[in-house]
Amino acid sequence: MTVVATDKRAQRTEAAIKTAYESLLQASDGKRIRVSDLTAKAGINRKTFYLHYDTIEDLEESYVEDISADLENRLRSHSLEEYTHQRGLMLEVLADFFDSNRDFYTFAILKDGNGSSISNRVETRLVQHYGEVMQTVYPLDQDQAILLASFILGTMLNGLRLQMSGVTNFSRSELRGLITRLIPTGLSSFGLGLHFED
């Protein structure tokens, strides 16, 4: 019984830490979040925070892991061949993630994407994962696969960032049309023999 009570208390504390972090990050204007600010906002002491996380970066890494795992699982729902033959499918998978996910995830990846530690780390993980997938299908070395994955995912995520933050006024369908023309054009110029269907 004590274990259950402790688990529930730990879960409440974990939720308080994450709620406080999310609130502080959204209001931070790029300023570094300090443990003292987070613990004050969460209504806990520093010792309690350190029972859950070693540092703020450790807390951020938990978000990176959660967001990356969710996005990777969604991307795995289709094969690379399907993405190649159904232009815009990957953009739709990414957009569906942001449409159906918590507001904070969307903020962390899209709206705070310019230089955000979480955004950069999630994008790096996705690029590494997608690069590995590309190597299983195309005759690419690791560097080529990473560069191509970065181009594809970066173009899509930046397009979504611009659209969802209101910088551009493209509808989702207009954005899809532009990106599905831009990516194959860019990839064909790499001279790696990759072919995409119209």
Protein backbone atom coordinates (compact mmCIF):
# COMPACT_ATOMS: atom_id res chain seq x y z
CA MET A 1 0.00 0.00 0.00
CA THR A 2 2.83 2.43 0.77
CA VAL A 3 4.32 1.76 -2.67
CA VAL A 4 1.01 2.63 -4.35
CA ALA A 5 0.71 5.85 -2.31
CA THR A 6 4.33 6.70 -3.13
CA ASP A 7 3.73 5.97 -6.81
CA LYS A 8 0.66 8.22 -6.88
CA ARG A 9 2.55 10.95 -5.05
CA ALA A 10 5.48 10.59 -7.47
CA GLN A 11 3.07 10.77 -10.41
CA ARG A 12 1.48 13.95 -9.01
CA THR A 13 4.92 15.48 -8.46
CA GLU A 14 6.00 14.49 -11.97
CA ALA A 15 2.86 16.10 -13.39
CA ALA A 16 3.48 19.26 -11.34
CA ILE A 17 7.08 19.46 -12.59
CA LYS A 18 6.04 19.04 -16.22
CA THR A 19 3.13 21.49 -15.95
CA ALA A 20 5.43 24.09 -14.38
CA TYR A 21 8.14 23.50 -16.99
CA GLU A 22 5.68 23.81 -19.89
CA SER A 23 4.25 27.02 -18.48
CA LEU A 24 7.69 28.53 -17.88
CA LEU A 25 9.01 27.55 -21.31
CA GLN A 26 6.03 29.06 -23.10
CA ALA A 27 6.51 32.31 -21.18
CA SER A 28 10.33 32.34 -21.23
CA ASP A 29 11.03 34.26 -24.47
CA GLY A 30 14.09 32.07 -24.92
CA LYS A 31 15.47 32.65 -21.43
CA ARG A 32 17.00 29.71 -19.62
CA ILE A 33 14.72 28.07 -17.06
CA ARG A 34 16.30 27.68 -13.63
CA VAL A 35 15.54 24.89 -11.20
CA SER A 36 14.60 27.46 -8.55
CA ASP A 37 11.99 29.03 -10.88
CA LEU A 38 10.60 25.63 -11.81
CA THR A 39 10.34 24.39 -8.23
CA ALA A 40 8.64 27.61 -7.11
CA LYS A 41 6.12 27.31 -9.95
CA ALA A 42 5.55 23.58 -9.22
CA GLY A 43 5.21 24.15 -5.47
CA ILE A 44 7.96 21.67 -4.62
CA ASN A 45 11.43 21.97 -3.15
CA ARG A 46 14.70 21.54 -5.02
CA LYS A 47 15.40 18.20 -3.36
CA THR A 48 12.12 16.81 -4.70
CA PHE A 49 13.00 18.00 -8.21
CA TYR A 50 16.39 16.29 -7.99
CA LEU A 51 14.71 13.02 -6.98
CA HIS A 52 13.04 13.08 -10.41
CA TYR A 53 15.68 14.73 -12.62
CA ASP A 54 19.38 15.49 -12.42
CA THR A 55 19.10 18.77 -14.33
CA ILE A 56 16.73 20.87 -16.42
CA GLU A 57 18.40 19.29 -19.45
CA ASP A 58 17.46 15.86 -18.08
CA LEU A 59 13.83 17.03 -17.86
CA GLU A 60 14.03 18.35 -21.43
CA GLU A 61 15.45 15.02 -22.57
CA SER A 62 12.31 13.28 -21.25
CA TYR A 63 10.28 15.47 -23.63
CA VAL A 64 12.70 14.77 -26.48
CA GLU A 65 12.32 11.03 -25.91
CA ASP A 66 8.51 11.18 -25.70
CA ILE A 67 8.05 13.40 -28.76
CA SER A 68 10.64 11.53 -30.83
CA ALA A 69 9.16 8.13 -29.99
CA ASP A 70 5.66 9.31 -30.91
CA LEU A 71 6.78 10.85 -34.22
CA GLU A 72 8.96 7.85 -35.13
CA ASN A 73 6.06 5.48 -34.46
CA ARG A 74 3.78 7.57 -36.64
CA LEU A 75 6.38 7.70 -39.43
CA ARG A 76 6.82 3.90 -39.20
CA SER A 77 3.14 3.45 -40.00
CA HIS A 78 4.11 3.76 -43.69
CA SER A 79 7.06 2.39 -45.63
CA LEU A 80 9.62 4.56 -47.36
CA GLU A 81 8.22 3.28 -50.64
CA GLU A 82 4.76 4.58 -49.66
CA TYR A 83 6.23 7.98 -48.82
CA THR A 84 8.06 8.01 -52.16
CA HIS A 85 4.99 7.03 -54.19
CA GLN A 86 2.42 9.09 -52.29
CA ARG A 87 3.79 12.60 -52.28
CA GLY A 88 2.66 14.59 -49.30
CA LEU A 89 1.98 11.54 -47.15
CA MET A 90 4.87 12.24 -44.78
CA LEU A 91 3.80 15.87 -44.42
CA GLU A 92 0.31 14.66 -43.52
CA VAL A 93 1.71 12.26 -40.89
CA LEU A 94 3.73 15.09 -39.32
CA ALA A 95 0.80 17.53 -39.51
CA ASP A 96 -1.54 14.95 -37.93
CA PHE A 97 0.89 14.65 -35.01
CA PHE A 98 0.67 18.38 -34.34
CA ASP A 99 -3.08 18.52 -34.95
CA SER A 100 -3.76 15.70 -32.50
CA ASN A 101 -1.10 16.30 -29.87
CA ARG A 102 -0.86 18.41 -26.79
CA ASP A 103 -0.42 22.13 -27.29
CA PHE A 104 2.96 22.06 -25.58
CA TYR A 105 4.40 19.54 -28.05
CA THR A 106 3.28 21.74 -30.91
CA PHE A 107 4.82 24.76 -29.18
CA ALA A 108 8.08 22.93 -28.44
CA ILE A 109 8.56 21.72 -32.01
CA LEU A 110 6.87 24.31 -34.18
CA LYS A 111 6.42 27.66 -32.51
CA ASP A 112 9.57 27.55 -30.41
CA GLY A 113 11.44 25.71 -33.14
CA ASN A 114 13.96 28.43 -33.88
CA GLY A 115 16.88 27.35 -31.73
CA SER A 116 14.84 25.45 -29.16
CA SER A 117 16.85 22.73 -27.51
CA ILE A 118 13.88 20.36 -27.56
CA SER A 119 13.07 21.13 -31.19
CA ASN A 120 16.65 20.70 -32.36
CA ARG A 121 17.12 17.42 -30.50
CA VAL A 122 13.83 15.96 -31.75
CA GLU A 123 14.63 16.95 -35.32
CA THR A 124 18.12 15.44 -35.02
CA ARG A 125 16.68 12.14 -33.77
CA LEU A 126 14.10 12.05 -36.55
CA VAL A 127 16.76 12.78 -39.15
CA GLN A 128 18.98 9.99 -37.81
CA HIS A 129 16.07 7.54 -37.76
CA TYR A 130 14.84 8.47 -41.24
CA GLY A 131 18.42 8.42 -42.57
CA GLU A 132 18.80 4.84 -41.35
CA VAL A 133 15.52 3.91 -43.04
CA MET A 134 16.66 5.54 -46.30
CA GLN A 135 19.86 3.47 -46.26
CA THR A 136 17.82 0.27 -46.20
CA VAL A 137 16.09 1.22 -49.45
CA TYR A 138 18.52 3.38 -51.40
CA PRO A 139 22.25 2.95 -52.12
CA LEU A 140 23.34 5.77 -49.81
CA ASP A 141 26.21 6.06 -47.39
CA GLN A 142 25.45 7.37 -43.90
CA ASP A 143 26.39 10.97 -44.68
CA GLN A 144 24.23 11.07 -47.83
CA ALA A 145 21.28 9.52 -46.00
CA ILE A 146 21.55 12.00 -43.10
CA LEU A 147 21.80 14.95 -45.49
CA LEU A 148 18.78 13.81 -47.51
CA ALA A 149 16.74 13.04 -44.40
CA SER A 150 17.63 16.46 -43.02
CA PHE A 151 16.55 18.13 -46.26
CA ILE A 152 13.23 16.25 -46.38
CA LEU A 153 12.25 16.54 -42.71
CA GLY A 154 13.67 20.04 -42.30
CA THR A 155 11.71 21.31 -45.30
CA MET A 156 8.49 19.77 -44.00
CA LEU A 157 8.92 20.88 -40.39
CA ASN A 158 9.90 24.41 -41.43
CA GLY A 159 6.91 24.58 -43.76
CA LEU A 160 4.64 23.51 -40.91
CA ARG A 161 6.34 25.98 -38.52
CA LEU A 162 5.72 28.86 -40.90
CA GLN A 163 2.14 27.85 -41.60
CA MET A 164 1.10 27.06 -38.03
CA SER A 165 2.72 30.19 -36.59
CA GLY A 166 0.92 32.38 -39.12
CA VAL A 167 4.05 33.56 -40.94
CA THR A 168 2.60 32.15 -44.16
CA ASN A 169 -1.05 31.94 -45.10
CA PHE A 170 -0.90 28.71 -47.07
CA SER A 171 -3.70 26.26 -46.50
CA ARG A 172 -2.57 22.75 -45.61
CA SER A 173 -3.33 21.63 -49.15
CA GLU A 174 -1.36 24.52 -50.70
CA LEU A 175 1.58 23.79 -48.40
CA ARG A 176 1.42 20.12 -49.32
CA GLY A 177 1.43 20.97 -53.03
CA LEU A 178 4.42 23.28 -52.74
CA ILE A 179 6.47 20.93 -50.59
CA THR A 180 5.69 17.89 -52.74
CA ARG A 181 7.08 19.77 -55.74
CA LEU A 182 10.06 21.26 -53.89
CA ILE A 183 11.43 18.09 -52.27
CA PRO A 184 11.70 15.86 -55.39
CA THR A 185 13.22 18.77 -57.33
CA GLY A 186 15.81 19.29 -54.61
CA LEU A 187 16.55 15.58 -54.26
CA SER A 188 16.97 15.05 -57.99
CA SER A 189 19.69 17.72 -58.02
CA PHE A 190 21.74 15.64 -55.57
CA GLY A 191 22.51 13.27 -58.44
CA LEU A 192 22.02 10.10 -56.41
CA GLY A 193 19.65 8.41 -58.81
CA LEU A 194 16.60 8.75 -56.60
CA HIS A 195 13.36 8.73 -58.57
CA PHE A 196 9.99 9.90 -57.34
CA GLU A 197 6.67 9.31 -59.00
CA ASP A 198 4.30 12.16 -59.81
